[in-house]
PDB file of N, CA and C in Angstrom:
ATOM      1  N   MET A   1     336.192 225.234 -25.823  1.00  0.00           N
ATOM      2  CA  MET A   1     336.683 225.645 -24.870  1.00  0.00           C
ATOM      3  C   MET A   1     338.248 224.449 -25.476  1.00  0.00           C
ATOM      4  N   LYS A   2     339.390 225.486 -25.061  1.00  0.00           N
ATOM      5  CA  LYS A   2     340.766 225.426 -24.836  1.00  0.00           C
ATOM      6  C   LYS A   2     340.843 224.071 -23.839  1.00  0.00           C
ATOM      7  N   TRP A   3     341.868 223.285 -23.720  1.00  0.00           N
ATOM      8  CA  TRP A   3     341.600 222.200 -22.998  1.00  0.00           C
ATOM      9  C   TRP A   3     343.079 221.792 -23.293  1.00  0.00           C
ATOM     10  N   VAL A   4     344.061 222.263 -21.282  1.00  0.00           N
ATOM     11  CA  VAL A   4     345.768 221.817 -21.830  1.00  0.00           C
ATOM     12  C   VAL A   4     345.854 221.129 -20.636  1.00  0.00           C
ATOM     13  N   LYS A   5     347.207 220.944 -21.068  1.00  0.00           N
ATOM     14  CA  LYS A   5     347.751 219.835 -19.770  1.00  0.00           C
ATOM     15  C   LYS A   5     348.978 220.106 -19.161  1.00  0.00           C
ATOM     16  N   SER A   6     349.403 219.597 -18.000  1.00  0.00           N
ATOM     17  CA  SER A   6     350.254 220.094 -17.545  1.00  0.00           C
ATOM     18  C   SER A   6     351.987 219.360 -17.885  1.00  0.00           C
ATOM     19  N   SER A   7     352.334 220.694 -17.221  1.00  0.00           N
ATOM     20  CA  SER A   7     353.883 220.330 -18.474  1.00  0.00           C
ATOM     21  C   SER A   7     354.695 219.755 -17.653  1.00  0.00           C
ATOM     22  N   PHE A   8     353.837 218.570 -16.315  1.00  0.00           N
ATOM     23  CA  PHE A   8     354.289 218.087 -15.907  1.00  0.00           C
ATOM     24  C   PHE A   8     354.135 216.339 -16.444  1.00  0.00           C
ATOM     25  N   SER A   9     353.047 216.172 -17.258  1.00  0.00           N
ATOM     26  CA  SER A   9     352.377 214.804 -18.442  1.00  0.00           C
ATOM     27  C   SER A   9     354.027 214.773 -19.136  1.00  0.00           C
ATOM     28  N   GLU A  10     354.054 213.320 -18.963  1.00  0.00           N
ATOM     29  CA  GLU A  10     354.909 212.120 -19.515  1.00  0.00           C
ATOM     30  C   GLU A  10     354.513 213.389 -20.935  1.00  0.00           C
ATOM     31  N   ALA A  11     355.203 213.088 -21.586  1.00  0.00           N
ATOM     32  CA  ALA A  11     356.412 212.782 -23.458  1.00  0.00           C
ATOM     33  C   ALA A  11     355.119 212.792 -24.170  1.00  0.00           C
ATOM     34  N   SER A  12     354.072 211.512 -24.039  1.00  0.00           N
ATOM     35  CA  SER A  12     353.097 210.763 -24.729  1.00  0.00           C
ATOM     36  C   SER A  12     351.896 211.088 -24.688  1.00  0.00           C
ATOM     37  N   GLY A  13     352.183 212.100 -23.250  1.00  0.00           N
ATOM     38  CA  GLY A  13     350.912 213.069 -22.998  1.00  0.00           C
ATOM     39  C   GLY A  13     349.520 212.328 -22.965  1.00  0.00           C
ATOM     40  N   ASN A  14     349.177 211.111 -22.754  1.00  0.00           N
ATOM     41  CA  ASN A  14     348.312 210.462 -22.598  1.00  0.00           C
ATOM     42  C   ASN A  14     347.719 209.753 -21.023  1.00  0.00           C
ATOM     43  N   ASN A  15     348.466 210.205 -20.327  1.00  0.00           N
ATOM     44  CA  ASN A  15     348.759 209.617 -18.822  1.00  0.00           C
ATOM     45  C   ASN A  15     347.981 210.963 -18.141  1.00  0.00           C
ATOM     46  N   CYS A  16     347.085 211.598 -18.307  1.00  0.00           N
ATOM     47  CA  CYS A  16     347.723 212.786 -17.692  1.00  0.00           C
ATOM     48  C   CYS A  16     346.035 213.147 -17.459  1.00  0.00           C
ATOM     49  N   VAL A  17     346.076 214.522 -16.800  1.00  0.00           N
ATOM     50  CA  VAL A  17     344.213 215.321 -16.695  1.00  0.00           C
ATOM     51  C   VAL A  17     344.382 216.741 -17.572  1.00  0.00           C
ATOM     52  N   GLU A  18     343.583 216.836 -18.350  1.00  0.00           N
ATOM     53  CA  GLU A  18     343.795 217.526 -18.496  1.00  0.00           C
ATOM     54  C   GLU A  18     343.188 219.102 -18.349  1.00  0.00           C
ATOM     55  N   ILE A  19     342.752 220.973 -17.791  1.00  0.00           N
ATOM     56  CA  ILE A  19     341.950 221.478 -18.095  1.00  0.00           C
ATOM     57  C   ILE A  19     341.541 222.825 -18.664  1.00  0.00           C
ATOM     58  N   ALA A  20     340.066 222.502 -18.870  1.00  0.00           N
ATOM     59  CA  ALA A  20     340.231 224.261 -19.919  1.00  0.00           C
ATOM     60  C   ALA A  20     339.352 225.061 -18.714  1.00  0.00           C
ATOM     61  N   GLN A  21     339.289 225.999 -18.599  1.00  0.00           N
ATOM     62  CA  GLN A  21     338.519 227.165 -18.023  1.00  0.00           C
ATOM     63  C   GLN A  21     337.970 228.441 -18.298  1.00  0.00           C
ATOM     64  N   ASN A  22     337.033 228.842 -18.283  1.00  0.00           N
ATOM     65  CA  ASN A  22     336.452 230.432 -18.566  1.00  0.00           C
ATOM     66  C   ASN A  22     336.387 231.196 -16.229  1.00  0.00           C
ATOM     67  N   LYS A  23     335.677 231.856 -17.237  1.00  0.00           N
ATOM     68  CA  LYS A  23     335.482 233.085 -15.248  1.00  0.00           C
ATOM     69  C   LYS A  23     334.644 232.261 -15.050  1.00  0.00           C
ATOM     70  N   HIS A  24     334.310 231.438 -14.811  1.00  0.00           N
ATOM     71  CA  HIS A  24     333.499 230.659 -13.468  1.00  0.00           C
ATOM     72  C   HIS A  24     333.882 229.035 -13.074  1.00  0.00           C
ATOM     73  N   LEU A  25     334.272 228.642 -14.238  1.00  0.00           N
ATOM     74  CA  LEU A  25     334.307 226.623 -13.918  1.00  0.00           C
ATOM     75  C   LEU A  25     335.902 226.290 -14.340  1.00  0.00           C
ATOM     76  N   ILE A  26     336.080 225.312 -13.666  1.00  0.00           N
ATOM     77  CA  ILE A  26     337.395 224.345 -14.435  1.00  0.00           C
ATOM     78  C   ILE A  26     337.397 223.454 -14.893  1.00  0.00           C
ATOM     79  N   ALA A  27     336.841 222.852 -16.268  1.00  0.00           N
ATOM     80  CA  ALA A  27     337.043 221.752 -16.213  1.00  0.00           C
ATOM     81  C   ALA A  27     337.917 220.547 -16.414  1.00  0.00           C
ATOM     82  N   ILE A  28     337.502 219.359 -15.906  1.00  0.00           N
ATOM     83  CA  ILE A  28     338.882 218.410 -15.823  1.00  0.00           C
ATOM     84  C   ILE A  28     338.355 216.906 -16.578  1.00  0.00           C
ATOM     85  N   ARG A  29     339.404 216.566 -17.481  1.00  0.00           N
ATOM     86  CA  ARG A  29     338.538 215.328 -17.777  1.00  0.00           C
ATOM     87  C   ARG A  29     340.144 214.662 -17.940  1.00  0.00           C
ATOM     88  N   ASP A  30     339.794 213.112 -18.443  1.00  0.00           N
ATOM     89  CA  ASP A  30     341.103 212.224 -18.642  1.00  0.00           C
ATOM     90  C   ASP A  30     341.437 212.038 -19.854  1.00  0.00           C
ATOM     91  N   SER A  31     342.693 212.800 -19.963  1.00  0.00           N
ATOM     92  CA  SER A  31     343.686 213.019 -21.588  1.00  0.00           C
ATOM     93  C   SER A  31     343.098 211.731 -22.518  1.00  0.00           C
ATOM     94  N   LYS A  32     343.177 209.824 -22.193  1.00  0.00           N
ATOM     95  CA  LYS A  32     343.275 208.865 -22.655  1.00  0.00           C
ATOM     96  C   LYS A  32     341.478 208.352 -23.061  1.00  0.00           C
ATOM     97  N   ASN A  33     341.114 209.512 -22.714  1.00  0.00           N
ATOM     98  CA  ASN A  33     339.416 209.293 -23.630  1.00  0.00           C
ATOM     99  C   ASN A  33     338.728 210.899 -23.271  1.00  0.00           C
ATOM    100  N   PRO A  34     338.910 211.411 -23.694  1.00  0.00           N
ATOM    101  CA  PRO A  34     338.135 213.331 -24.036  1.00  0.00           C
ATOM    102  C   PRO A  34     337.462 213.346 -24.898  1.00  0.00           C
ATOM    103  N   LYS A  35     336.618 211.480 -25.026  1.00  0.00           N
ATOM    104  CA  LYS A  35     335.201 212.384 -25.917  1.00  0.00           C
ATOM    105  C   LYS A  35     333.736 212.074 -24.438  1.00  0.00           C
ATOM    106  N   LEU A  36     334.814 211.565 -23.213  1.00  0.00           N
ATOM    107  CA  LEU A  36     333.426 210.725 -22.289  1.00  0.00           C
ATOM    108  C   LEU A  36     333.372 211.964 -21.648  1.00  0.00           C
ATOM    109  N   PRO A  37     332.020 212.163 -20.772  1.00  0.00           N
ATOM    110  CA  PRO A  37     331.825 213.509 -19.584  1.00  0.00           C
ATOM    111  C   PRO A  37     333.021 214.283 -18.869  1.00  0.00           C
ATOM    112  N   TRP A  38     333.559 215.437 -18.686  1.00  0.00           N
ATOM    113  CA  TRP A  38     334.174 215.954 -18.164  1.00  0.00           C
ATOM    114  C   TRP A  38     333.774 216.769 -16.509  1.00  0.00           C
ATOM    115  N   ALA A  39     334.131 216.287 -15.230  1.00  0.00           N
ATOM    116  CA  ALA A  39     333.919 217.293 -14.125  1.00  0.00           C
ATOM    117  C   ALA A  39     334.079 218.856 -14.220  1.00  0.00           C
ATOM    118  N   THR A  40     333.286 219.344 -13.532  1.00  0.00           N
ATOM    119  CA  THR A  40     333.374 220.588 -13.539  1.00  0.00           C
ATOM    120  C   THR A  40     333.581 221.405 -11.277  1.00  0.00           C
ATOM    121  N   VAL A  41     334.262 222.236 -11.719  1.00  0.00           N
ATOM    122  CA  VAL A  41     334.788 222.799 -10.363  1.00  0.00           C
ATOM    123  C   VAL A  41     334.841 223.894  -9.882  1.00  0.00           C
ATOM    124  N   GLY A  42     334.144 224.750  -9.332  1.00  0.00           N
ATOM    125  CA  GLY A  42     334.879 226.144  -8.862  1.00  0.00           C
ATOM    126  C   GLY A  42     335.281 226.609  -9.648  1.00  0.00           C
ATOM    127  N   ARG A  43     336.114 227.732  -9.644  1.00  0.00           N
ATOM    128  CA  ARG A  43     336.914 228.171  -9.620  1.00  0.00           C
ATOM    129  C   ARG A  43     338.385 227.965  -8.003  1.00  0.00           C
ATOM    130  N   ALA A  44     337.191 228.602  -7.195  1.00  0.00           N
ATOM    131  CA  ALA A  44     337.248 228.799  -5.817  1.00  0.00           C
ATOM    132  C   ALA A  44     337.823 227.282  -5.231  1.00  0.00           C
ATOM    133  N   ALA A  45     337.239 226.506  -5.738  1.00  0.00           N
ATOM    134  CA  ALA A  45     337.818 225.223  -5.239  1.00  0.00           C
ATOM    135  C   ALA A  45     338.994 224.686  -5.717  1.00  0.00           C
ATOM    136  N   TRP A  46     338.708 225.078  -6.906  1.00  0.00           N
ATOM    137  CA  TRP A  46     339.984 224.410  -8.140  1.00  0.00           C
ATOM    138  C   TRP A  46     341.282 225.400  -7.346  1.00  0.00           C
ATOM    139  N   SER A  47     341.613 226.316  -7.062  1.00  0.00           N
ATOM    140  CA  SER A  47     342.823 227.049  -6.471  1.00  0.00           C
ATOM    141  C   SER A  47     343.267 226.709  -5.109  1.00  0.00           C
ATOM    142  N   ARG A  48     341.908 225.828  -4.235  1.00  0.00           N
ATOM    143  CA  ARG A  48     341.781 225.186  -3.287  1.00  0.00           C
ATOM    144  C   ARG A  48     343.155 223.919  -3.207  1.00  0.00           C
ATOM    145  N   PHE A  49     342.554 223.441  -4.519  1.00  0.00           N
ATOM    146  CA  PHE A  49     342.785 221.970  -4.596  1.00  0.00           C
ATOM    147  C   PHE A  49     344.782 221.546  -5.060  1.00  0.00           C
ATOM    148  N   ALA A  50     344.057 222.964  -5.547  1.00  0.00           N
ATOM    149  CA  ALA A  50     345.590 222.994  -6.362  1.00  0.00           C
ATOM    150  C   ALA A  50     347.109 223.599  -5.676  1.00  0.00           C
ATOM    151  N   HIS A  51     346.617 224.184  -4.717  1.00  0.00           N
ATOM    152  CA  HIS A  51     347.964 224.848  -3.721  1.00  0.00           C
ATOM    153  C   HIS A  51     347.716 222.860  -2.414  1.00  0.00           C
ATOM    154  N   ALA A  52     346.902 222.812  -2.121  1.00  0.00           N
ATOM    155  CA  ALA A  52     346.545 221.415  -1.556  1.00  0.00           C
ATOM    156  C   ALA A  52     347.320 220.277  -2.279  1.00  0.00           C
ATOM    157  N   VAL A  53     347.760 220.197  -3.290  1.00  0.00           N
ATOM    158  CA  VAL A  53     348.674 219.461  -3.814  1.00  0.00           C
ATOM    159  C   VAL A  53     349.944 219.420  -3.899  1.00  0.00           C
ATOM    160  N   ALA A  54     350.276 221.224  -4.009  1.00  0.00           N
ATOM    161  CA  ALA A  54     352.156 222.161  -4.644  1.00  0.00           C
ATOM    162  C   ALA A  54     352.506 222.011  -3.144  1.00  0.00           C
ATOM    163  N   GLU A  55     351.039 222.435  -1.936  1.00  0.00           N
ATOM    164  CA  GLU A  55     351.619 222.233  -0.560  1.00  0.00           C
ATOM    165  C   GLU A  55     351.901 220.822   0.021  1.00  0.00           C
ATOM    166  N   GLU A  56     352.322 219.613  -1.272  1.00  0.00           N
ATOM    167  CA  GLU A  56     351.546 217.901  -0.517  1.00  0.00           C
ATOM    168  C   GLU A  56     350.710 218.139   1.315  1.00  0.00           C
ATOM    169  N   ARG A  57     349.745 218.767   0.997  1.00  0.00           N
ATOM    170  CA  ARG A  57     349.349 218.514   2.023  1.00  0.00           C
ATOM    171  C   ARG A  57     347.208 217.541   1.762  1.00  0.00           C
ATOM    172  N   LEU A  58     347.612 216.939   1.013  1.00  0.00           N
ATOM    173  CA  LEU A  58     346.784 216.044   0.192  1.00  0.00           C
ATOM    174  C   LEU A  58     347.313 214.034   0.648  1.00  0.00           C
ATOM    175  N   PRO A  59     346.276 213.580   1.190  1.00  0.00           N
ATOM    176  CA  PRO A  59     346.812 212.176   2.204  1.00  0.00           C
ATOM    177  C   PRO A  59     347.194 211.150   1.053  1.00  0.00           C
TER     178      PRO A  59
END
């Protein structure tokens, strides 16, 4: 898997989440502990989440 970090992450790059994607799923992991298990969500759920964050609709 190719993991990527947000372009908004800090310079040290260890205080953020990383994502990897394939045809059906988005995998999410903590950049501080990349060897720990990661979570997966469907692409549609990730898209809704990302849009909600961008539009500041989360509590």
